Structures are given as C-alpha cells and as structure tokens.
Amino acid sequence: MATTLEHRLDALVHEIREIKKELILDKVTRLTVTRARMDAWKSLRKKVSAQWDHVSVLDEIRQQREKSW
C-alpha cells in the first residue's frame, strides 16, 4: 500500500514539474515575441526619426490644424 501511494506521489510530483517546465517555456516564448515586437517598433521609430525634418512636435501639430483642405 505504501509503495502504491509513493508511486502516485512520485507521478504527481513528476507531472507538476512538467507543468512548471511548460509554463516557463511559454513565458519565455511570450517574452521573445514581445521583444521582437518592441525591436520592430524601435526600428520603425528610427526610420521615422531619420526622415523627420526637425520641426518641433508643437509646430507640426499647429501646421496640421491650420491646413485648409
């Protein structure tokens, strides 16, 4: 009887460890995807900044508001 309980307990501990590994791997995967998205936005930001004509943000907004269509 004791060995059966020990085997069940060992099986449960093993399953818990496997679930924990899966959770950690899932978290790492999500972090990798998030990091890739952040890098893409940073790259886009650099491209836009390189093409910016050095007009201040306030002046740009003011110009957009004053436009007559």
PDB file of N, CA and C in Angstrom:
ATOM      1  N   MET A   1       0.815  -1.194   0.000  1.00  0.00           N
ATOM      2  CA  MET A   1       0.000   0.000   0.000  1.00  0.00           C
ATOM      3  C   MET A   1       0.859   1.258   0.000  1.00  0.00           C
ATOM      4  N   ALA A   2       1.902   1.230   0.816  1.00  0.00           N
ATOM      5  CA  ALA A   2       2.771   2.407   0.896  1.00  0.00           C
ATOM      6  C   ALA A   2       3.485   2.652  -0.422  1.00  0.00           C
ATOM      7  N   THR A   3       3.884   1.591  -1.089  1.00  0.00           N
ATOM      8  CA  THR A   3       4.586   1.789  -2.364  1.00  0.00           C
ATOM      9  C   THR A   3       3.646   2.339  -3.419  1.00  0.00           C
ATOM     10  N   THR A   4       2.379   1.937  -3.385  1.00  0.00           N
ATOM     11  CA  THR A   4       1.404   2.473  -4.334  1.00  0.00           C
ATOM     12  C   THR A   4       1.232   3.967  -4.112  1.00  0.00           C
ATOM     13  N   LEU A   5       1.114   4.367  -2.870  1.00  0.00           N
ATOM     14  CA  LEU A   5       1.000   5.798  -2.564  1.00  0.00           C
ATOM     15  C   LEU A   5       2.269   6.541  -2.961  1.00  0.00           C
ATOM     16  N   GLU A   6       3.420   5.933  -2.738  1.00  0.00           N
ATOM     17  CA  GLU A   6       4.682   6.565  -3.125  1.00  0.00           C
ATOM     18  C   GLU A   6       4.748   6.734  -4.637  1.00  0.00           C
ATOM     19  N   HIS A   7       4.310   5.714  -5.375  1.00  0.00           N
ATOM     20  CA  HIS A   7       4.308   5.801  -6.839  1.00  0.00           C
ATOM     21  C   HIS A   7       3.355   6.896  -7.326  1.00  0.00           C
ATOM     22  N   ARG A   8       2.196   6.961  -6.712  1.00  0.00           N
ATOM     23  CA  ARG A   8       1.242   8.017  -7.084  1.00  0.00           C
ATOM     24  C   ARG A   8       1.805   9.397  -6.785  1.00  0.00           C
ATOM     25  N   LEU A   9       2.408   9.526  -5.612  1.00  0.00           N
ATOM     26  CA  LEU A   9       3.005  10.798  -5.230  1.00  0.00           C
ATOM     27  C   LEU A   9       4.137  11.166  -6.185  1.00  0.00           C
ATOM     28  N   ASP A  10       4.979  10.195  -6.525  1.00  0.00           N
ATOM     29  CA  ASP A  10       6.062  10.448  -7.482  1.00  0.00           C
ATOM     30  C   ASP A  10       5.510  10.866  -8.842  1.00  0.00           C
ATOM     31  N   ALA A  11       4.431  10.215  -9.264  1.00  0.00           N
ATOM     32  CA  ALA A  11       3.807  10.564 -10.542  1.00  0.00           C
ATOM     33  C   ALA A  11       3.264  11.987 -10.501  1.00  0.00           C
ATOM     34  N   LEU A  12       2.621  12.363  -9.396  1.00  0.00           N
ATOM     35  CA  LEU A  12       2.096  13.725  -9.253  1.00  0.00           C
ATOM     36  C   LEU A  12       3.215  14.761  -9.249  1.00  0.00           C
ATOM     37  N   VAL A  13       4.276  14.459  -8.519  1.00  0.00           N
ATOM     38  CA  VAL A  13       5.414  15.381  -8.473  1.00  0.00           C
ATOM     39  C   VAL A  13       6.006  15.534  -9.875  1.00  0.00           C
ATOM     40  N   HIS A  14       6.117  14.426 -10.589  1.00  0.00           N
ATOM     41  CA  HIS A  14       6.654  14.467 -11.956  1.00  0.00           C
ATOM     42  C   HIS A  14       5.756  15.328 -12.858  1.00  0.00           C
ATOM     43  N   GLU A  15       4.439  15.147 -12.761  1.00  0.00           N
ATOM     44  CA  GLU A  15       3.509  15.940 -13.570  1.00  0.00           C
ATOM     45  C   GLU A  15       3.593  17.416 -13.216  1.00  0.00           C
ATOM     46  N   ILE A  16       3.723  17.724 -11.938  1.00  0.00           N
ATOM     47  CA  ILE A  16       3.839  19.126 -11.520  1.00  0.00           C
ATOM     48  C   ILE A  16       5.108  19.745 -12.089  1.00  0.00           C
ATOM     49  N   ARG A  17       6.190  19.013 -12.068  1.00  0.00           N
ATOM     50  CA  ARG A  17       7.446  19.521 -12.638  1.00  0.00           C
ATOM     51  C   ARG A  17       7.315  19.751 -14.140  1.00  0.00           C
ATOM     52  N   GLU A  18       6.633  18.849 -14.837  1.00  0.00           N
ATOM     53  CA  GLU A  18       6.435  19.004 -16.276  1.00  0.00           C
ATOM     54  C   GLU A  18       5.576  20.228 -16.583  1.00  0.00           C
ATOM     55  N   ILE A  19       4.533  20.421 -15.788  1.00  0.00           N
ATOM     56  CA  ILE A  19       3.675  21.592 -15.976  1.00  0.00           C
ATOM     57  C   ILE A  19       4.467  22.863 -15.726  1.00  0.00           C
ATOM     58  N   LYS A  20       5.296  22.851 -14.706  1.00  0.00           N
ATOM     59  CA  LYS A  20       6.130  24.016 -14.386  1.00  0.00           C
ATOM     60  C   LYS A  20       7.079  24.325 -15.539  1.00  0.00           C
ATOM     61  N   LYS A  21       7.686  23.289 -16.139  1.00  0.00           N
ATOM     62  CA  LYS A  21       8.568  23.485 -17.286  1.00  0.00           C
ATOM     63  C   LYS A  21       7.816  24.100 -18.452  1.00  0.00           C
ATOM     64  N   GLU A  22       6.603  23.593 -18.711  1.00  0.00           N
ATOM     65  CA  GLU A  22       5.797  24.122 -19.807  1.00  0.00           C
ATOM     66  C   GLU A  22       5.443  25.586 -19.576  1.00  0.00           C
ATOM     67  N   LEU A  23       5.104  25.939 -18.342  1.00  0.00           N
ATOM     68  CA  LEU A  23       4.783  27.331 -18.028  1.00  0.00           C
ATOM     69  C   LEU A  23       5.988  28.240 -18.241  1.00  0.00           C
ATOM     70  N   ILE A  24       7.140  27.786 -17.842  1.00  0.00           N
ATOM     71  CA  ILE A  24       8.357  28.576 -18.024  1.00  0.00           C
ATOM     72  C   ILE A  24       8.664  28.748 -19.503  1.00  0.00           C
ATOM     73  N   LEU A  25       8.551  27.672 -20.274  1.00  0.00           N
ATOM     74  CA  LEU A  25       8.801  27.765 -21.711  1.00  0.00           C
ATOM     75  C   LEU A  25       7.801  28.684 -22.396  1.00  0.00           C
ATOM     76  N   ASP A  26       6.546  28.627 -21.978  1.00  0.00           N
ATOM     77  CA  ASP A  26       5.526  29.506 -22.541  1.00  0.00           C
ATOM     78  C   ASP A  26       5.845  30.963 -22.244  1.00  0.00           C
ATOM     79  N   LYS A  27       6.275  31.219 -21.025  1.00  0.00           N
ATOM     80  CA  LYS A  27       6.621  32.590 -20.636  1.00  0.00           C
ATOM     81  C   LYS A  27       7.808  33.094 -21.459  1.00  0.00           C
ATOM     82  N   VAL A  28       8.805  32.258 -21.651  1.00  0.00           N
ATOM     83  CA  VAL A  28       9.973  32.641 -22.439  1.00  0.00           C
ATOM     84  C   VAL A  28       9.568  32.927 -23.887  1.00  0.00           C
ATOM     85  N   THR A  29       8.677  32.099 -24.432  1.00  0.00           N
ATOM     86  CA  THR A  29       8.207  32.296 -25.797  1.00  0.00           C
ATOM     87  C   THR A  29       7.482  33.630 -25.929  1.00  0.00           C
ATOM     88  N   ARG A  30       6.612  33.921 -24.961  1.00  0.00           N
ATOM     89  CA  ARG A  30       5.880  35.196 -24.998  1.00  0.00           C
ATOM     90  C   ARG A  30       6.837  36.376 -24.882  1.00  0.00           C
ATOM     91  N   LEU A  31       7.853  36.249 -24.041  1.00  0.00           N
ATOM     92  CA  LEU A  31       8.827  37.324 -23.899  1.00  0.00           C
ATOM     93  C   LEU A  31       9.608  37.526 -25.191  1.00  0.00           C
ATOM     94  N   THR A  32       9.922  36.444 -25.872  1.00  0.00           N
ATOM     95  CA  THR A  32      10.645  36.536 -27.138  1.00  0.00           C
ATOM     96  C   THR A  32       9.802  37.261 -28.181  1.00  0.00           C
ATOM     97  N   VAL A  33       8.515  36.929 -28.251  1.00  0.00           N
ATOM     98  CA  VAL A  33       7.618  37.589 -29.203  1.00  0.00           C
ATOM     99  C   VAL A  33       7.482  39.060 -28.852  1.00  0.00           C
ATOM    100  N   THR A  34       7.317  39.345 -27.575  1.00  0.00           N
ATOM    101  CA  THR A  34       7.189  40.728 -27.131  1.00  0.00           C
ATOM    102  C   THR A  34       8.457  41.508 -27.469  1.00  0.00           C
ATOM    103  N   ARG A  35       9.607  40.901 -27.249  1.00  0.00           N
ATOM    104  CA  ARG A  35      10.877  41.552 -27.544  1.00  0.00           C
ATOM    105  C   ARG A  35      11.005  41.834 -29.034  1.00  0.00           C
ATOM    106  N   ALA A  36      10.579  40.893 -29.869  1.00  0.00           N
ATOM    107  CA  ALA A  36      10.639  41.086 -31.317  1.00  0.00           C
ATOM    108  C   ALA A  36       9.745  42.247 -31.744  1.00  0.00           C
ATOM    109  N   ARG A  37       8.563  42.338 -31.141  1.00  0.00           N
ATOM    110  CA  ARG A  37       7.660  43.455 -31.466  1.00  0.00           C
ATOM    111  C   ARG A  37       8.264  44.782 -31.035  1.00  0.00           C
ATOM    112  N   MET A  38       8.866  44.814 -29.852  1.00  0.00           N
ATOM    113  CA  MET A  38       9.500  46.049 -29.378  1.00  0.00           C
ATOM    114  C   MET A  38      10.642  46.463 -30.309  1.00  0.00           C
ATOM    115  N   ASP A  39      11.419  45.491 -30.743  1.00  0.00           N
ATOM    116  CA  ASP A  39      12.518  45.793 -31.654  1.00  0.00           C
ATOM    117  C   ASP A  39      12.004  46.331 -32.984  1.00  0.00           C
ATOM    118  N   ALA A  40      10.891  45.786 -33.458  1.00  0.00           N
ATOM    119  CA  ALA A  40      10.301  46.271 -34.708  1.00  0.00           C
ATOM    120  C   ALA A  40       9.845  47.720 -34.565  1.00  0.00           C
ATOM    121  N   TRP A  41       9.203  48.046 -33.439  1.00  0.00           N
ATOM    122  CA  TRP A  41       8.773  49.421 -33.214  1.00  0.00           C
ATOM    123  C   TRP A  41       9.965  50.368 -33.087  1.00  0.00           C
ATOM    124  N   LYS A  42      11.020  49.921 -32.427  1.00  0.00           N
ATOM    125  CA  LYS A  42      12.209  50.764 -32.304  1.00  0.00           C
ATOM    126  C   LYS A  42      12.827  51.022 -33.670  1.00  0.00           C
ATOM    127  N   SER A  43      12.857  49.996 -34.502  1.00  0.00           N
ATOM    128  CA  SER A  43      13.397  50.148 -35.842  1.00  0.00           C
ATOM    129  C   SER A  43      12.567  51.144 -36.650  1.00  0.00           C
ATOM    130  N   LEU A  44      11.254  51.018 -36.557  1.00  0.00           N
ATOM    131  CA  LEU A  44      10.367  51.947 -37.251  1.00  0.00           C
ATOM    132  C   LEU A  44      10.561  53.367 -36.724  1.00  0.00           C
ATOM    133  N   ARG A  45      10.696  53.489 -35.418  1.00  0.00           N
ATOM    134  CA  ARG A  45      10.917  54.811 -34.820  1.00  0.00           C
ATOM    135  C   ARG A  45      12.189  55.449 -35.350  1.00  0.00           C
ATOM    136  N   LYS A  46      13.234  54.659 -35.490  1.00  0.00           N
ATOM    137  CA  LYS A  46      14.494  55.186 -36.011  1.00  0.00           C
ATOM    138  C   LYS A  46      14.359  55.630 -37.462  1.00  0.00           C
ATOM    139  N   LYS A  47      13.610  54.865 -38.262  1.00  0.00           N
ATOM    140  CA  LYS A  47      13.402  55.242 -39.661  1.00  0.00           C
ATOM    141  C   LYS A  47      12.638  56.556 -39.773  1.00  0.00           C
ATOM    142  N   VAL A  48      11.588  56.694 -38.954  1.00  0.00           N
ATOM    143  CA  VAL A  48      10.794  57.922 -38.975  1.00  0.00           C
ATOM    144  C   VAL A  48      11.631  59.092 -38.484  1.00  0.00           C
ATOM    145  N   SER A  49      12.397  58.884 -37.436  1.00  0.00           N
ATOM    146  CA  SER A  49      13.235  59.959 -36.899  1.00  0.00           C
ATOM    147  C   SER A  49      14.286  60.396 -37.907  1.00  0.00           C
ATOM    148  N   ALA A  50      14.810  59.465 -38.671  1.00  0.00           N
ATOM    149  CA  ALA A  50      15.829  59.809 -39.664  1.00  0.00           C
ATOM    150  C   ALA A  50      15.249  60.677 -40.779  1.00  0.00           C
ATOM    151  N   GLN A  51      13.959  60.500 -41.061  1.00  0.00           N
ATOM    152  CA  GLN A  51      13.340  61.270 -42.140  1.00  0.00           C
ATOM    153  C   GLN A  51      12.668  62.548 -41.637  1.00  0.00           C
ATOM    154  N   TRP A  52      12.631  62.747 -40.352  1.00  0.00           N
ATOM    155  CA  TRP A  52      11.959  63.908 -39.774  1.00  0.00           C
ATOM    156  C   TRP A  52      12.713  65.174 -40.154  1.00  0.00           C
ATOM    157  N   ASP A  53      11.971  66.238 -40.449  1.00  0.00           N
ATOM    158  CA  ASP A  53      12.604  67.474 -40.918  1.00  0.00           C
ATOM    159  C   ASP A  53      12.913  68.455 -39.798  1.00  0.00           C
ATOM    160  N   HIS A  54      13.062  67.963 -38.595  1.00  0.00           N
ATOM    161  CA  HIS A  54      13.479  68.742 -37.427  1.00  0.00           C
ATOM    162  C   HIS A  54      12.514  69.861 -37.057  1.00  0.00           C
ATOM    163  N   VAL A  55      11.256  69.719 -37.411  1.00  0.00           N
ATOM    164  CA  VAL A  55      10.230  70.642 -36.955  1.00  0.00           C
ATOM    165  C   VAL A  55       9.750  70.121 -35.611  1.00  0.00           C
ATOM    166  N   SER A  56       9.567  71.029 -34.658  1.00  0.00           N
ATOM    167  CA  SER A  56       9.123  70.569 -33.339  1.00  0.00           C
ATOM    168  C   SER A  56       7.724  69.962 -33.435  1.00  0.00           C
ATOM    169  N   VAL A  57       7.409  69.145 -32.487  1.00  0.00           N
ATOM    170  CA  VAL A  57       6.108  68.472 -32.472  1.00  0.00           C
ATOM    171  C   VAL A  57       4.989  69.505 -32.405  1.00  0.00           C
ATOM    172  N   LEU A  58       5.165  70.506 -31.561  1.00  0.00           N
ATOM    173  CA  LEU A  58       4.128  71.532 -31.427  1.00  0.00           C
ATOM    174  C   LEU A  58       3.913  72.277 -32.740  1.00  0.00           C
ATOM    175  N   ASP A  59       5.002  72.617 -33.419  1.00  0.00           N
ATOM    176  CA  ASP A  59       4.867  73.291 -34.715  1.00  0.00           C
ATOM    177  C   ASP A  59       4.187  72.390 -35.740  1.00  0.00           C
ATOM    178  N   GLU A  60       4.507  71.129 -35.726  1.00  0.00           N
ATOM    179  CA  GLU A  60       3.891  70.183 -36.654  1.00  0.00           C
ATOM    180  C   GLU A  60       2.385  70.096 -36.413  1.00  0.00           C
ATOM    181  N   ILE A  61       1.980  70.002 -35.156  1.00  0.00           N
ATOM    182  CA  ILE A  61       0.556  69.934 -34.826  1.00  0.00           C
ATOM    183  C   ILE A  61      -0.137  71.226 -35.231  1.00  0.00           C
ATOM    184  N   ARG A  62       0.503  72.327 -34.952  1.00  0.00           N
ATOM    185  CA  ARG A  62      -0.061  73.621 -35.312  1.00  0.00           C
ATOM    186  C   ARG A  62      -0.256  73.716 -36.828  1.00  0.00           C
ATOM    187  N   GLN A  63       0.726  73.266 -37.604  1.00  0.00           N
ATOM    188  CA  GLN A  63       0.620  73.298 -39.057  1.00  0.00           C
ATOM    189  C   GLN A  63      -0.522  72.407 -39.540  1.00  0.00           C
ATOM    190  N   GLN A  64      -0.672  71.256 -38.927  1.00  0.00           N
ATOM    191  CA  GLN A  64      -1.748  70.345 -39.329  1.00  0.00           C
ATOM    192  C   GLN A  64      -3.121  70.956 -39.026  1.00  0.00           C
ATOM    193  N   ARG A  65      -3.241  71.646 -37.938  1.00  0.00           N
ATOM    194  CA  ARG A  65      -4.523  72.271 -37.576  1.00  0.00           C
ATOM    195  C   ARG A  65      -4.842  73.453 -38.489  1.00  0.00           C
ATOM    196  N   GLU A  66      -3.813  74.170 -38.932  1.00  0.00           N
ATOM    197  CA  GLU A  66      -4.020  75.365 -39.745  1.00  0.00           C
ATOM    198  C   GLU A  66      -4.246  75.043 -41.216  1.00  0.00           C
ATOM    199  N   LYS A  67      -4.034  73.795 -41.609  1.00  0.00           N
ATOM    200  CA  LYS A  67      -4.215  73.427 -43.005  1.00  0.00           C
ATOM    201  C   LYS A  67      -5.657  73.655 -43.423  1.00  0.00           C
ATOM    202  N   SER A  68      -5.803  74.197 -44.598  1.00  0.00           N
ATOM    203  CA  SER A  68      -7.170  74.333 -45.150  1.00  0.00           C
ATOM    204  C   SER A  68      -7.291  73.347 -46.296  1.00  0.00           C
ATOM    205  N   TRP A  69      -8.234  72.504 -46.205  1.00  0.00           N
ATOM    206  CA  TRP A  69      -8.403  71.437 -47.204  1.00  0.00           C
ATOM    207  C   TRP A  69      -9.248  71.962 -48.285  1.00  0.00           C
TER     208      TRP A  69
END
